[in-house]
Protein backbone atom coordinates (compact mmCIF):
# COMPACT_ATOMS: atom_id res chain seq x y z
CA MET A 1 28.90 -14.34 22.28
CA ALA A 2 29.57 -12.78 18.88
CA VAL A 3 31.81 -9.72 19.02
CA PRO A 4 32.85 -7.63 15.98
CA LYS A 5 36.59 -7.78 15.18
CA SER A 6 36.80 -4.08 14.39
CA LYS A 7 34.69 -0.93 14.29
CA VAL A 8 32.50 -0.43 11.25
CA SER A 9 33.04 3.06 9.86
CA LYS A 10 30.14 5.49 9.45
CA ALA A 11 30.54 5.43 5.66
CA ARG A 12 30.38 1.63 5.49
CA ARG A 13 27.40 1.52 7.86
CA ASP A 14 25.53 4.20 5.90
CA LYS A 15 26.24 2.50 2.55
CA ARG A 16 24.64 -0.66 3.88
CA ARG A 17 21.59 1.20 5.16
CA ALA A 18 21.08 3.16 1.92
CA ASN A 19 20.12 0.16 -0.27
CA TRP A 20 16.34 0.34 -0.09
CA LYS A 21 13.82 2.26 -2.11
CA LEU A 22 10.42 3.57 -1.19
CA VAL A 23 7.95 2.92 -4.02
CA ALA A 24 4.60 4.54 -4.60
CA PRO A 25 1.59 2.20 -4.37
CA GLY A 26 0.34 0.92 -7.71
CA LEU A 27 -2.99 2.52 -8.52
CA VAL A 28 -5.58 1.06 -10.87
CA LYS A 29 -8.48 2.78 -12.59
CA CYS A 30 -11.95 1.84 -11.38
CA GLU A 31 -15.01 1.38 -13.61
CA CYS A 32 -16.18 4.83 -12.48
CA GLY A 33 -12.87 6.38 -13.61
CA ALA A 34 -11.43 7.06 -10.15
CA TYR A 35 -8.05 5.68 -9.09
CA ARG A 36 -7.96 3.15 -6.26
CA LEU A 37 -5.59 0.63 -4.68
CA PRO A 38 -5.75 -2.85 -6.20
CA HIS A 39 -7.89 -5.47 -4.41
CA ARG A 40 -9.77 -2.77 -2.48
CA ILE A 41 -13.30 -1.38 -2.71
CA CYS A 42 -13.43 1.89 -4.65
CA PRO A 43 -13.94 4.75 -2.16
CA SER A 44 -15.91 6.85 -4.65
CA CYS A 45 -18.43 4.34 -6.07
CA GLY A 46 -18.16 1.31 -3.75
CA ASN A 47 -17.59 -1.24 -6.53
CA TYR A 48 -15.17 -4.16 -6.37
CA ASN A 49 -14.82 -7.02 -8.86
CA GLY A 50 -18.03 -6.08 -10.67
CA ARG A 51 -20.18 -5.95 -7.51
CA ASN A 52 -21.43 -2.97 -5.55
CA TYR A 53 -20.48 -3.02 -1.85
CA SER A 54 -21.59 0.48 -0.91
CA LYS A 55 -24.11 0.82 1.88
CA THR A 56 -27.58 1.52 0.54
CA ALA A 57 -30.64 2.85 2.33
CA ALA A 58 -32.24 -0.61 2.31
CA SER A 59 -29.30 -2.32 3.98
CA GLU A 60 -28.94 0.46 6.59
CA ALA A 61 -32.62 0.09 7.62
CA LYS A 62 -32.11 -3.55 8.67
């Protein structure tokens, strides 16, 4: 079983844990002008990749 040779100090432990960075998600501008996440349907207009995926009255009636 692996056992550490000596105690790791709090400073050394915390230095190791501090090397990551939280980044904001990259937003892209939709055709309608709203910002959305890439590769997702626009929440304001329902468009993605040139097609409209929003629910219309005709598709809800079926």
